[in-house]
C-alpha atoms as a PDB file:
ATOM      1  CA  MET A   1       1.898   2.272   7.792  1.00  0.00           C
ATOM      2  CA  LEU A   2      -1.275  -0.188   8.265  1.00  0.00           C
ATOM      3  CA  GLY A   3      -3.214   2.527  10.615  1.00  0.00           C
ATOM      4  CA  VAL A   4      -2.890   5.504   8.118  1.00  0.00           C
ATOM      5  CA  GLU A   5      -5.914   6.839   6.117  1.00  0.00           C
ATOM      6  CA  THR A   6      -7.898   4.904   8.774  1.00  0.00           C
ATOM      7  CA  SER A   7     -11.801   6.219   7.805  1.00  0.00           C
ATOM      8  CA  ARG A   8     -11.190   6.329   4.029  1.00  0.00           C
ATOM      9  CA  ALA A   9      -9.711   2.490   4.261  1.00  0.00           C
ATOM     10  CA  ASN A  10     -12.525   1.424   6.811  1.00  0.00           C
ATOM     11  CA  ALA A  11     -15.087   2.521   4.185  1.00  0.00           C
ATOM     12  CA  ALA A  12     -13.702   0.707   1.453  1.00  0.00           C
ATOM     13  CA  VAL A  13     -12.785  -2.352   3.583  1.00  0.00           C
ATOM     14  CA  SER A  14     -16.490  -2.138   4.338  1.00  0.00           C
ATOM     15  CA  ALA A  15     -17.955  -2.765   1.483  1.00  0.00           C
ATOM     16  CA  SER A  16     -15.375  -5.412   0.197  1.00  0.00           C
ATOM     17  CA  GLN A  17     -15.218  -7.363   3.045  1.00  0.00           C
ATOM     18  CA  PRO A  18     -15.831 -11.168   2.275  1.00  0.00           C
ATOM     19  CA  PRO A  19     -17.720 -12.614   4.747  1.00  0.00           C
ATOM     20  CA  HIS A  20     -16.113 -13.837   8.429  1.00  0.00           C
ATOM     21  CA  SER A  21     -13.922 -10.566   7.848  1.00  0.00           C
ATOM     22  CA  LEU A  22     -13.512  -7.616  10.551  1.00  0.00           C
ATOM     23  CA  GLY A  23     -12.749  -4.041   9.852  1.00  0.00           C
ATOM     24  CA  TRP A  24      -9.194  -2.307  10.846  1.00  0.00           C
ATOM     25  CA  LYS A  25     -11.273  -0.525  13.739  1.00  0.00           C
ATOM     26  CA  GLN A  26     -12.775  -3.751  14.637  1.00  0.00           C
ATOM     27  CA  ILE A  27      -9.680  -5.655  15.187  1.00  0.00           C
ATOM     28  CA  VAL A  28      -7.474  -2.777  17.012  1.00  0.00           C
ATOM     29  CA  GLU A  29     -10.937  -2.978  19.306  1.00  0.00           C
ATOM     30  CA  ALA A  30     -10.706  -6.510  19.728  1.00  0.00           C
ATOM     31  CA  VAL A  31      -7.115  -7.071  20.696  1.00  0.00           C
ATOM     32  CA  GLU A  32      -6.596  -4.093  22.496  1.00  0.00           C
ATOM     33  CA  PRO A  33      -6.041  -5.430  25.736  1.00  0.00           C
ATOM     34  CA  PHE A  34      -3.770  -7.545  24.207  1.00  0.00           C
ATOM     35  CA  ARG A  35      -1.712  -4.789  22.920  1.00  0.00           C
ATOM     36  CA  LYS A  36      -1.587  -2.498  25.885  1.00  0.00           C
ATOM     37  CA  LYS A  37      -0.336  -5.681  27.954  1.00  0.00           C
ATOM     38  CA  VAL A  38       2.324  -6.410  25.860  1.00  0.00           C
ATOM     39  CA  ALA A  39       3.228  -2.825  26.094  1.00  0.00           C
ATOM     40  CA  GLU A  40       3.183  -3.280  29.476  1.00  0.00           C
ATOM     41  CA  ARG A  41       5.904  -6.192  29.591  1.00  0.00           C
ATOM     42  CA  LEU A  42       8.275  -4.545  26.967  1.00  0.00           C
ATOM     43  CA  ALA A  43       8.407  -1.591  28.964  1.00  0.00           C
ATOM     44  CA  ALA A  44       8.868  -3.540  32.241  1.00  0.00           C
ATOM     45  CA  GLN A  45      11.819  -5.569  30.568  1.00  0.00           C
ATOM     46  CA  THR A  46      13.711  -2.721  30.943  1.00  0.00           C
ATOM     47  CA  ASP A  47      14.556  -3.573  34.505  1.00  0.00           C
ATOM     48  CA  GLU A  48      16.420  -6.623  33.128  1.00  0.00           C
ATOM     49  CA  PHE A  49      19.390  -4.567  32.028  1.00  0.00           C
ATOM     50  CA  GLU A  50      22.259  -3.576  33.645  1.00  0.00           C
ATOM     51  CA  PRO A  51      21.515   0.269  35.426  1.00  0.00           C
ATOM     52  CA  GLN A  52      24.081   1.758  33.253  1.00  0.00           C
ATOM     53  CA  ILE A  53      22.123   1.033  30.098  1.00  0.00           C
ATOM     54  CA  ALA A  54      18.454   0.974  31.193  1.00  0.00           C
ATOM     55  CA  LEU A  55      17.613   4.057  29.868  1.00  0.00           C
ATOM     56  CA  PHE A  56      18.999   2.908  26.054  1.00  0.00           C
ATOM     57  CA  ALA A  57      16.572  -0.015  26.536  1.00  0.00           C
ATOM     58  CA  GLN A  58      13.899   1.983  27.573  1.00  0.00           C
ATOM     59  CA  TYR A  59      14.107   4.144  25.029  1.00  0.00           C
ATOM     60  CA  ALA A  60      14.052   1.309  21.926  1.00  0.00           C
ATOM     61  CA  LEU A  61      11.260  -0.774  23.456  1.00  0.00           C
ATOM     62  CA  THR A  62       9.046   1.795  23.935  1.00  0.00           C
ATOM     63  CA  ALA A  63       9.824   3.050  20.155  1.00  0.00           C
ATOM     64  CA  GLN A  64       7.092   0.368  19.298  1.00  0.00           C
ATOM     65  CA  GLY A  65       4.874   1.395  16.326  1.00  0.00           C
ATOM     66  CA  LYS A  66       1.171  -0.521  15.590  1.00  0.00           C
ATOM     67  CA  GLN A  67       2.741  -3.983  17.121  1.00  0.00           C
ATOM     68  CA  LEU A  68       1.458  -5.745  14.075  1.00  0.00           C
ATOM     69  CA  ARG A  69       3.135  -8.711  15.035  1.00  0.00           C
ATOM     70  CA  PRO A  70       1.820  -9.082  18.643  1.00  0.00           C
ATOM     71  CA  MET A  71      -1.452  -8.620  16.866  1.00  0.00           C
ATOM     72  CA  LEU A  72      -0.621 -11.642  14.638  1.00  0.00           C
ATOM     73  CA  VAL A  73       0.040 -13.697  17.734  1.00  0.00           C
ATOM     74  CA  SER A  74      -2.995 -12.985  19.383  1.00  0.00           C
ATOM     75  CA  LEU A  75      -5.094 -13.537  16.223  1.00  0.00           C
ATOM     76  CA  SER A  76      -3.214 -16.858  15.075  1.00  0.00           C
ATOM     77  CA  GLY A  77      -4.108 -18.191  18.406  1.00  0.00           C
ATOM     78  CA  GLU A  78      -7.332 -16.788  18.870  1.00  0.00           C
ATOM     79  CA  ALA A  79      -8.023 -18.782  15.248  1.00  0.00           C
ATOM     80  CA  ILE A  80      -6.913 -21.752  17.087  1.00  0.00           C
ATOM     81  CA  GLY A  81      -8.314 -21.874  20.407  1.00  0.00           C
ATOM     82  CA  GLY A  82      -8.104 -19.307  23.520  1.00  0.00           C
ATOM     83  CA  LEU A  83      -5.248 -17.380  24.448  1.00  0.00           C
ATOM     84  CA  ASN A  84      -2.970 -17.378  27.499  1.00  0.00           C
ATOM     85  CA  ASP A  85       0.009 -15.896  29.309  1.00  0.00           C
ATOM     86  CA  SER A  86       1.993 -17.676  27.375  1.00  0.00           C
ATOM     87  CA  HIS A  87       0.833 -15.949  24.053  1.00  0.00           C
ATOM     88  CA  LEU A  88       1.484 -12.906  25.801  1.00  0.00           C
ATOM     89  CA  THR A  89       5.388 -13.585  26.484  1.00  0.00           C
ATOM     90  CA  ALA A  90       6.037 -15.444  22.564  1.00  0.00           C
ATOM     91  CA  ALA A  91       4.491 -11.526  21.333  1.00  0.00           C
ATOM     92  CA  VAL A  92       6.745  -9.706  23.784  1.00  0.00           C
ATOM     93  CA  ILE A  93       9.508 -12.153  22.548  1.00  0.00           C
ATOM     94  CA  VAL A  94       9.132 -11.136  18.700  1.00  0.00           C
ATOM     95  CA  GLU A  95       8.118  -7.834  19.164  1.00  0.00           C
ATOM     96  CA  MET A  96      11.413  -7.289  20.697  1.00  0.00           C
ATOM     97  CA  VAL A  97      13.335  -8.683  17.861  1.00  0.00           C
ATOM     98  CA  HIS A  98      11.577  -6.753  15.858  1.00  0.00           C
ATOM     99  CA  LEU A  99      13.069  -3.384  17.662  1.00  0.00           C
ATOM    100  CA  ALA A 100      16.286  -4.781  17.384  1.00  0.00           C
ATOM    101  CA  THR A 101      16.439  -4.979  13.766  1.00  0.00           C
ATOM    102  CA  LEU A 102      15.104  -1.381  14.030  1.00  0.00           C
ATOM    103  CA  VAL A 103      17.908  -0.388  15.557  1.00  0.00           C
ATOM    104  CA  HIS A 104      20.094  -1.512  13.708  1.00  0.00           C
ATOM    105  CA  ASP A 105      18.770  -0.954  10.674  1.00  0.00           C
ATOM    106  CA  ASP A 106      18.702   2.907  11.664  1.00  0.00           C
ATOM    107  CA  VAL A 107      22.228   2.584  12.106  1.00  0.00           C
ATOM    108  CA  ILE A 108      22.735   1.217   8.660  1.00  0.00           C
ATOM    109  CA  ASP A 109      20.133   3.852   6.797  1.00  0.00           C
ATOM    110  CA  LEU A 110      21.899   6.815   8.630  1.00  0.00           C
ATOM    111  CA  ALA A 111      18.106   7.238   9.852  1.00  0.00           C
ATOM    112  CA  GLN A 112      18.040  10.225  11.889  1.00  0.00           C
ATOM    113  CA  LEU A 113      13.992   9.713  12.801  1.00  0.00           C
ATOM    114  CA  ARG A 114      11.872   7.335  13.142  1.00  0.00           C
ATOM    115  CA  ARG A 115       7.783   7.382  14.295  1.00  0.00           C
ATOM    116  CA  GLY A 116       8.235  11.129  14.742  1.00  0.00           C
ATOM    117  CA  ARG A 117      11.416  11.029  17.263  1.00  0.00           C
ATOM    118  CA  LYS A 118      15.369  11.023  16.960  1.00  0.00           C
ATOM    119  CA  THR A 119      16.871   7.101  16.463  1.00  0.00           C
ATOM    120  CA  MET A 120      19.102   5.831  18.955  1.00  0.00           C
ATOM    121  CA  PRO A 121      22.026   6.380  16.765  1.00  0.00           C
ATOM    122  CA  ALA A 122      20.996   9.868  16.371  1.00  0.00           C
ATOM    123  CA  ASN A 123      20.901  10.489  19.868  1.00  0.00           C
ATOM    124  CA  TRP A 124      23.856   7.848  21.182  1.00  0.00           C
ATOM    125  CA  GLY A 125      25.986   7.160  18.409  1.00  0.00           C
ATOM    126  CA  ASN A 126      26.554   3.731  16.267  1.00  0.00           C
ATOM    127  CA  GLU A 127      28.349   1.807  18.903  1.00  0.00           C
ATOM    128  CA  VAL A 128      26.064   2.304  21.256  1.00  0.00           C
ATOM    129  CA  SER A 129      22.904   1.337  18.877  1.00  0.00           C
ATOM    130  CA  VAL A 130      24.708  -1.896  17.489  1.00  0.00           C
ATOM    131  CA  LEU A 131      25.647  -2.988  20.883  1.00  0.00           C
ATOM    132  CA  LEU A 132      22.289  -2.782  22.891  1.00  0.00           C
ATOM    133  CA  GLY A 133      20.197  -4.100  19.241  1.00  0.00           C
ATOM    134  CA  ASP A 134      22.602  -6.689  20.509  1.00  0.00           C
ATOM    135  CA  CYS A 135      21.434  -7.022  23.710  1.00  0.00           C
ATOM    136  CA  LEU A 136      17.589  -6.722  22.535  1.00  0.00           C
ATOM    137  CA  PHE A 137      18.649 -10.274  20.548  1.00  0.00           C
ATOM    138  CA  ALA A 138      20.139 -11.957  23.726  1.00  0.00           C
ATOM    139  CA  HIS A 139      17.198 -11.237  25.987  1.00  0.00           C
ATOM    140  CA  ALA A 140      14.870 -11.659  23.381  1.00  0.00           C
ATOM    141  CA  LEU A 141      16.351 -15.719  23.646  1.00  0.00           C
ATOM    142  CA  LYS A 142      16.988 -14.913  26.960  1.00  0.00           C
ATOM    143  CA  LEU A 143      12.918 -15.427  27.086  1.00  0.00           C
ATOM    144  CA  ALA A 144      12.477 -17.464  24.465  1.00  0.00           C
ATOM    145  CA  ALA A 145      14.621 -20.086  26.504  1.00  0.00           C
ATOM    146  CA  SER A 146      11.826 -19.293  29.479  1.00  0.00           C
ATOM    147  CA  PHE A 147       9.713 -21.585  27.984  1.00  0.00           C
ATOM    148  CA  PRO A 148       9.558 -25.601  29.440  1.00  0.00           C
ATOM    149  CA  THR A 149       9.717 -26.904  25.775  1.00  0.00           C
ATOM    150  CA  PRO A 150      13.275 -26.082  23.831  1.00  0.00           C
ATOM    151  CA  GLU A 151      11.166 -25.277  20.394  1.00  0.00           C
ATOM    152  CA  ILE A 152      10.041 -21.826  21.229  1.00  0.00           C
ATOM    153  CA  CYS A 153      13.824 -20.701  21.695  1.00  0.00           C
ATOM    154  CA  ARG A 154      14.788 -23.006  18.783  1.00  0.00           C
ATOM    155  CA  GLN A 155      11.698 -21.174  16.508  1.00  0.00           C
ATOM    156  CA  VAL A 156      12.830 -17.996  17.867  1.00  0.00           C
ATOM    157  CA  ALA A 157      16.544 -18.311  17.117  1.00  0.00           C
ATOM    158  CA  ALA A 158      15.986 -19.998  13.711  1.00  0.00           C
ATOM    159  CA  ALA A 159      13.689 -16.849  12.597  1.00  0.00           C
ATOM    160  CA  THR A 160      16.335 -14.201  14.370  1.00  0.00           C
ATOM    161  CA  ASN A 161      19.203 -15.944  12.045  1.00  0.00           C
ATOM    162  CA  THR A 162      16.797 -15.651   9.049  1.00  0.00           C
ATOM    163  CA  VAL A 163      15.924 -11.994   9.538  1.00  0.00           C
ATOM    164  CA  CYS A 164      19.374 -11.189   9.851  1.00  0.00           C
ATOM    165  CA  ALA A 165      20.796 -12.493   7.283  1.00  0.00           C
ATOM    166  CA  GLY A 166      18.097 -11.130   4.627  1.00  0.00           C
ATOM    167  CA  GLU A 167      19.348  -7.870   6.327  1.00  0.00           C
ATOM    168  CA  ILE A 168      23.155  -8.910   5.011  1.00  0.00           C
ATOM    169  CA  LEU A 169      21.441  -9.424   2.014  1.00  0.00           C
ATOM    170  CA  GLN A 170      19.912  -6.562   0.965  1.00  0.00           C
ATOM    171  CA  THR A 171      22.760  -4.701   2.361  1.00  0.00           C
ATOM    172  CA  CYS A 172      24.987  -6.429   0.104  1.00  0.00           C
ATOM    173  CA  SER A 173      22.547  -5.883  -2.852  1.00  0.00           C
ATOM    174  CA  ARG A 174      22.691  -1.443  -2.427  1.00  0.00           C
ATOM    175  CA  GLY A 175      23.656  -0.251  -5.887  1.00  0.00           C
ATOM    176  CA  ASP A 176      22.914  -3.215  -7.417  1.00  0.00           C
ATOM    177  CA  PHE A 177      21.024  -2.186 -11.026  1.00  0.00           C
ATOM    178  CA  ASN A 178      20.400  -5.453 -11.999  1.00  0.00           C
ATOM    179  CA  VAL A 179      19.419  -7.325  -8.838  1.00  0.00           C
ATOM    180  CA  THR A 180      16.462 -10.097  -9.896  1.00  0.00           C
ATOM    181  CA  ARG A 181      13.060 -10.063  -9.061  1.00  0.00           C
ATOM    182  CA  SER A 182      13.546 -13.467  -7.123  1.00  0.00           C
ATOM    183  CA  HIS A 183      16.275 -12.452  -5.076  1.00  0.00           C
ATOM    184  CA  TYR A 184      14.764  -9.118  -4.246  1.00  0.00           C
ATOM    185  CA  PHE A 185      11.350 -10.871  -2.802  1.00  0.00           C
ATOM    186  CA  LYS A 186      13.753 -13.202  -1.419  1.00  0.00           C
ATOM    187  CA  MET A 187      14.997 -10.513   0.431  1.00  0.00           C
ATOM    188  CA  LEU A 188      11.606  -9.753   1.668  1.00  0.00           C
ATOM    189  CA  ALA A 189      10.105 -12.977   2.658  1.00  0.00           C
ATOM    190  CA  MET A 190      13.620 -12.851   4.748  1.00  0.00           C
ATOM    191  CA  LYS A 191      13.816 -10.351   6.556  1.00  0.00           C
ATOM    192  CA  THR A 192      10.132  -9.046   6.961  1.00  0.00           C
ATOM    193  CA  GLY A 193       7.928 -12.342   6.271  1.00  0.00           C
ATOM    194  CA  GLU A 194       9.552 -14.365   8.462  1.00  0.00           C
ATOM    195  CA  LEU A 195       9.143 -13.001  11.811  1.00  0.00           C
ATOM    196  CA  PHE A 196       5.248 -12.463  10.433  1.00  0.00           C
ATOM    197  CA  ALA A 197       5.322 -16.148   9.762  1.00  0.00           C
ATOM    198  CA  LEU A 198       7.210 -16.717  13.285  1.00  0.00           C
ATOM    199  CA  SER A 199       4.035 -14.660  15.027  1.00  0.00           C
ATOM    200  CA  CYS A 200       1.489 -16.383  13.420  1.00  0.00           C
ATOM    201  CA  ASP A 201       3.485 -19.998  13.906  1.00  0.00           C
ATOM    202  CA  LEU A 202       4.249 -19.138  17.597  1.00  0.00           C
ATOM    203  CA  GLY A 203      -0.069 -18.194  18.465  1.00  0.00           C
ATOM    204  CA  GLY A 204      -1.039 -21.538  16.646  1.00  0.00           C
ATOM    205  CA  LEU A 205       1.584 -23.551  18.282  1.00  0.00           C
ATOM    206  CA  LEU A 206       1.297 -22.466  22.374  1.00  0.00           C
ATOM    207  CA  SER A 207      -2.768 -22.715  21.205  1.00  0.00           C
ATOM    208  CA  GLN A 208      -1.976 -26.282  20.908  1.00  0.00           C
ATOM    209  CA  ALA A 209      -2.854 -26.409  16.759  1.00  0.00           C
ATOM    210  CA  ASN A 210      -1.528 -29.503  14.891  1.00  0.00           C
ATOM    211  CA  GLY A 211       0.711 -29.576  11.813  1.00  0.00           C
ATOM    212  CA  ALA A 212      -1.266 -29.037   9.364  1.00  0.00           C
ATOM    213  CA  ARG A 213      -2.858 -25.134  10.876  1.00  0.00           C
ATOM    214  CA  ARG A 214       0.595 -24.409  12.519  1.00  0.00           C
ATOM    215  CA  GLU A 215       1.664 -24.563   8.726  1.00  0.00           C
ATOM    216  CA  SER A 216      -1.484 -22.758   7.478  1.00  0.00           C
ATOM    217  CA  LEU A 217      -0.763 -19.782   9.736  1.00  0.00           C
ATOM    218  CA  ARG A 218       3.169 -19.900   8.952  1.00  0.00           C
ATOM    219  CA  GLN A 219       2.430 -19.655   5.285  1.00  0.00           C
ATOM    220  CA  TYR A 220      -0.396 -17.081   5.698  1.00  0.00           C
ATOM    221  CA  GLY A 221       2.209 -14.776   8.220  1.00  0.00           C
ATOM    222  CA  LEU A 222       4.805 -14.960   5.206  1.00  0.00           C
ATOM    223  CA  ALA A 223       2.462 -14.213   2.214  1.00  0.00           C
ATOM    224  CA  LEU A 224       1.118 -11.264   4.417  1.00  0.00           C
ATOM    225  CA  GLY A 225       4.604 -10.237   5.810  1.00  0.00           C
ATOM    226  CA  THR A 226       6.121 -10.546   2.173  1.00  0.00           C
ATOM    227  CA  ALA A 227       2.961  -8.126   0.879  1.00  0.00           C
ATOM    228  CA  TYR A 228       3.455  -5.827   3.874  1.00  0.00           C
ATOM    229  CA  GLN A 229       7.053  -5.194   2.726  1.00  0.00           C
ATOM    230  CA  LEU A 230       6.229  -4.941  -0.728  1.00  0.00           C
ATOM    231  CA  TYR A 231       3.873  -2.125  -0.112  1.00  0.00           C
ATOM    232  CA  ASP A 232       6.248  -0.345   2.290  1.00  0.00           C
ATOM    233  CA  ASP A 233       8.590  -0.383  -0.283  1.00  0.00           C
ATOM    234  CA  CYS A 234       6.368   1.011  -3.266  1.00  0.00           C
ATOM    235  CA  LEU A 235       4.827   3.382  -0.497  1.00  0.00           C
ATOM    236  CA  ASP A 236       8.443   5.295  -0.526  1.00  0.00           C
ATOM    237  CA  ILE A 237       7.992   5.933  -4.438  1.00  0.00           C
ATOM    238  CA  LEU A 238       4.634   5.843  -4.612  1.00  0.00           C
ATOM    239  CA  GLY A 239       3.052   7.712  -1.737  1.00  0.00           C
ATOM    240  CA  THR A 240       2.935  10.878   0.398  1.00  0.00           C
ATOM    241  CA  GLU A 241       4.952  11.867   3.324  1.00  0.00           C
ATOM    242  CA  ALA A 242       1.609  12.105   5.062  1.00  0.00           C
ATOM    243  CA  VAL A 243       0.611   8.793   4.692  1.00  0.00           C
ATOM    244  CA  ALA A 244       3.993   7.374   5.330  1.00  0.00           C
ATOM    245  CA  GLY A 245       4.903   8.978   8.092  1.00  0.00           C
ATOM    246  CA  LYS A 246       8.671   9.477   7.346  1.00  0.00           C
ATOM    247  CA  SER A 247      10.562  11.380   4.247  1.00  0.00           C
ATOM    248  CA  LEU A 248      10.153   9.451   0.879  1.00  0.00           C
ATOM    249  CA  GLY A 249      12.918   8.197  -1.531  1.00  0.00           C
ATOM    250  CA  ALA A 250      15.004   6.471   1.554  1.00  0.00           C
ATOM    251  CA  ASP A 251      15.180   3.447  -0.235  1.00  0.00           C
ATOM    252  CA  LEU A 252      16.391   4.957  -3.668  1.00  0.00           C
ATOM    253  CA  ALA A 253      18.800   7.280  -1.243  1.00  0.00           C
ATOM    254  CA  ASN A 254      20.345   4.118  -0.074  1.00  0.00           C
ATOM    255  CA  GLY A 255      20.846   2.409  -3.137  1.00  0.00           C
ATOM    256  CA  LYS A 256      17.924  -0.152  -2.821  1.00  0.00           C
ATOM    257  CA  MET A 257      16.616  -1.314  -5.822  1.00  0.00           C
ATOM    258  CA  THR A 258      12.597  -2.062  -5.343  1.00  0.00           C
ATOM    259  CA  LEU A 259       9.764  -3.386  -7.211  1.00  0.00           C
ATOM    260  CA  PRO A 260       8.665   0.014  -9.008  1.00  0.00           C
ATOM    261  CA  MET A 261      11.847   0.567 -10.064  1.00  0.00           C
ATOM    262  CA  ILE A 262      12.874  -3.650 -11.058  1.00  0.00           C
ATOM    263  CA  ILE A 263       9.808  -3.269 -13.396  1.00  0.00           C
ATOM    264  CA  VAL A 264      10.963   0.340 -15.185  1.00  0.00           C
ATOM    265  CA  ARG A 265      14.512  -1.443 -15.678  1.00  0.00           C
ATOM    266  CA  GLU A 266      12.811  -4.612 -17.407  1.00  0.00           C
ATOM    267  CA  ARG A 267      10.521  -2.210 -19.436  1.00  0.00           C
ATOM    268  CA  ALA A 268      12.693   0.624 -20.121  1.00  0.00           C
ATOM    269  CA  ALA A 269      14.798   1.425 -23.538  1.00  0.00           C
ATOM    270  CA  ALA A 270      18.428   1.950 -23.097  1.00  0.00           C
ATOM    271  CA  ALA A 271      18.328   5.628 -22.564  1.00  0.00           C
ATOM    272  CA  ASP A 272      15.563   5.407 -19.733  1.00  0.00           C
ATOM    273  CA  GLN A 273      17.643   2.416 -18.111  1.00  0.00           C
ATOM    274  CA  GLN A 274      21.083   4.273 -18.041  1.00  0.00           C
ATOM    275  CA  LYS A 275      19.314   7.542 -16.594  1.00  0.00           C
ATOM    276  CA  LEU A 276      17.834   5.237 -13.552  1.00  0.00           C
ATOM    277  CA  ARG A 277      21.104   3.273 -13.073  1.00  0.00           C
ATOM    278  CA  GLY A 278      22.585   6.789 -12.361  1.00  0.00           C
ATOM    279  CA  TRP A 279      19.602   8.046  -9.953  1.00  0.00           C
ATOM    280  CA  LEU A 280      20.502   4.969  -8.238  1.00  0.00           C
ATOM    281  CA  ALA A 281      24.409   5.481  -8.395  1.00  0.00           C
ATOM    282  CA  ASN A 282      24.083   9.184  -6.768  1.00  0.00           C
ATOM    283  CA  GLY A 283      21.215   8.344  -4.331  1.00  0.00           C
ATOM    284  CA  GLU A 284      19.727  11.615  -4.409  1.00  0.00           C
ATOM    285  CA  PRO A 285      15.777  12.020  -2.606  1.00  0.00           C
ATOM    286  CA  GLU A 286      15.920  15.241  -5.201  1.00  0.00           C
ATOM    287  CA  ILE A 287      15.360  13.589  -7.975  1.00  0.00           C
ATOM    288  CA  LEU A 288      12.287  11.066  -6.440  1.00  0.00           C
ATOM    289  CA  PRO A 289       9.600  13.141  -8.926  1.00  0.00           C
ATOM    290  CA  GLN A 290      11.720  12.315 -11.934  1.00  0.00           C
ATOM    291  CA  VAL A 291      11.512   8.708 -10.853  1.00  0.00           C
ATOM    292  CA  VAL A 292       7.824   8.449 -10.307  1.00  0.00           C
ATOM    293  CA  GLU A 293       7.802   9.827 -13.458  1.00  0.00           C
ATOM    294  CA  MET A 294       9.316   7.389 -14.848  1.00  0.00           C
ATOM    295  CA  VAL A 295       7.605   4.564 -13.188  1.00  0.00           C
ATOM    296  CA  GLU A 296       4.303   5.695 -14.099  1.00  0.00           C
ATOM    297  CA  LYS A 297       5.832   6.496 -17.799  1.00  0.00           C
ATOM    298  CA  TYR A 298       6.378   2.041 -17.993  1.00  0.00           C
ATOM    299  CA  ASP A 299       2.814   1.363 -15.599  1.00  0.00           C
ATOM    300  CA  ALA A 300       4.994   0.235 -12.853  1.00  0.00           C
ATOM    301  CA  PHE A 301       2.061   1.560 -10.798  1.00  0.00           C
ATOM    302  CA  ALA A 302      -0.549  -1.082 -11.900  1.00  0.00           C
ATOM    303  CA  GLU A 303       1.917  -4.267 -11.759  1.00  0.00           C
ATOM    304  CA  SER A 304       3.156  -3.010  -8.468  1.00  0.00           C
ATOM    305  CA  ARG A 305      -0.334  -3.234  -7.098  1.00  0.00           C
ATOM    306  CA  ALA A 306      -1.302  -6.621  -8.636  1.00  0.00           C
ATOM    307  CA  VAL A 307       2.139  -8.563  -7.347  1.00  0.00           C
ATOM    308  CA  ILE A 308       1.357  -7.295  -3.784  1.00  0.00           C
ATOM    309  CA  GLN A 309      -2.363  -8.833  -4.646  1.00  0.00           C
ATOM    310  CA  ARG A 310      -0.791 -12.115  -5.022  1.00  0.00           C
ATOM    311  CA  TYR A 311       0.376 -12.386  -2.753  1.00  0.00           C
ATOM    312  CA  LEU A 312      -2.502 -11.530  -0.539  1.00  0.00           C
ATOM    313  CA  ASP A 313      -4.327 -14.055  -2.442  1.00  0.00           C
ATOM    314  CA  ALA A 314      -1.638 -16.390  -1.169  1.00  0.00           C
ATOM    315  CA  ALA A 315      -2.451 -15.583   2.102  1.00  0.00           C
ATOM    316  CA  ARG A 316      -6.381 -15.778   1.962  1.00  0.00           C
ATOM    317  CA  GLN A 317      -5.843 -19.080   0.661  1.00  0.00           C
ATOM    318  CA  ALA A 318      -3.500 -20.442   3.553  1.00  0.00           C
ATOM    319  CA  LEU A 319      -6.255 -19.017   6.091  1.00  0.00           C
ATOM    320  CA  ALA A 320      -9.140 -21.343   4.035  1.00  0.00           C
ATOM    321  CA  MET A 321      -7.440 -24.155   5.881  1.00  0.00           C
ATOM    322  CA  LEU A 322      -8.528 -22.557   9.369  1.00  0.00           C
ATOM    323  CA  PRO A 323     -12.233 -22.996  11.255  1.00  0.00           C
ATOM    324  CA  HIS A 324     -14.161 -19.890  10.989  1.00  0.00           C
ATOM    325  CA  SER A 325     -13.534 -18.267  14.213  1.00  0.00           C
ATOM    326  CA  GLU A 326     -13.416 -14.485  15.482  1.00  0.00           C
ATOM    327  CA  GLY A 327      -9.249 -14.630  15.218  1.00  0.00           C
ATOM    328  CA  ARG A 328      -9.551 -16.190  11.617  1.00  0.00           C
ATOM    329  CA  ALA A 329     -11.951 -13.054  10.818  1.00  0.00           C
ATOM    330  CA  GLY A 330      -9.537 -10.475  12.212  1.00  0.00           C
ATOM    331  CA  LEU A 331      -6.540 -12.262  10.341  1.00  0.00           C
ATOM    332  CA  THR A 332      -8.956 -12.071   6.919  1.00  0.00           C
ATOM    333  CA  GLY A 333      -9.448  -8.639   7.886  1.00  0.00           C
ATOM    334  CA  LEU A 334      -5.980  -7.392   8.545  1.00  0.00           C
ATOM    335  CA  THR A 335      -5.384  -8.734   5.116  1.00  0.00           C
ATOM    336  CA  GLU A 336      -8.138  -6.871   3.014  1.00  0.00           C
ATOM    337  CA  TYR A 337      -7.101  -3.863   4.986  1.00  0.00           C
ATOM    338  CA  LEU A 338      -3.784  -4.098   3.263  1.00  0.00           C
ATOM    339  CA  ALA A 339      -5.552  -5.526  -0.461  1.00  0.00           C
ATOM    340  CA  GLU A 340      -7.081  -1.484   0.681  1.00  0.00           C
ATOM    341  CA  GLN A 341      -4.331   0.242   0.917  1.00  0.00           C
ATOM    342  CA  THR A 342      -2.092  -1.099  -1.878  1.00  0.00           C
ATOM    343  CA  GLU A 343      -5.340  -0.055  -4.058  1.00  0.00           C
ATOM    344  CA  ALA A 344      -4.733   3.341  -3.240  1.00  0.00           C
ATOM    345  CA  LEU A 345      -0.805   3.393  -3.941  1.00  0.00           C
ATOM    346  CA  GLY A 346      -0.191   5.570  -6.320  1.00  0.00           C
ATOM    347  CA  VAL A 347      -3.759   7.396  -6.666  1.00  0.00           C
ATOM    348  CA  SER A 348      -2.378  10.950  -6.399  1.00  0.00           C
ATOM    349  CA  TYR A 349      -0.428  11.077  -9.544  1.00  0.00           C
END
């Protein structure tokens, strides 16, 4: 999602960037060699699977998007010191865990398309897709176990557990009109923030960061990842299909209460609350314009953006603990870019 409307966002970021930050284009150019190597190594992992399922693994492992998590491994490592081959391996591990979660998400959400092509379930069914996702998780842990220290494997296993637990909590919360803000934010931190935090932590660890700097990187990743998922949730209602790169209203169709809808529920009169409850229960994406109208009526656009910006402020504060470097500048640039994308939410309504 961060790569959309690049020209407009770059112009806005350039005008408002704090010192020692980089724009989106500069960040991508700086990490492009690293991202390319990660993509190549991911594709090469296909050879590690049984020949009969190599096609499935290849399909899943080549479904990479912007590689945000590998970018965070690279930038976090550079924020502390130089990069080495271990950073590439760590980036492959984290991205593989992420891709495994996407395969399972597509099964749960009955998704037909992802990034412009048919999903694993749409091609080969749920049974193969679930098992392939399990294989990817297991293979990521196998790679993590190849490090001389067991700490990497422990960190990856713990994060994977947290991500999966967050997905379970979200699945169990579908159709629950009364989901609290605290529970909602907890789910976001677990299912998305945790892998961002792991990426930053591993980047620092493999550059021999001390405990305080590792914790700063982890807190940065957790805040940025939670903000990113909040943005994605809001984009499902407030965005356009051209920006989102997918059909809008998917969360509503799947019975998910996201922040704009929670804000409406908290502010709405009883009659409007009842309408919103009915829309959530019916899960019809066709009523999205009515949802947007109600979100606008109760000024949930502005508060949603403000909440995202508060998480981004927390990310900025975490980075303040790190020394100035190109890596820190890149992490700051990612933060500012997401801030600009957030301010653009809902501007067409």
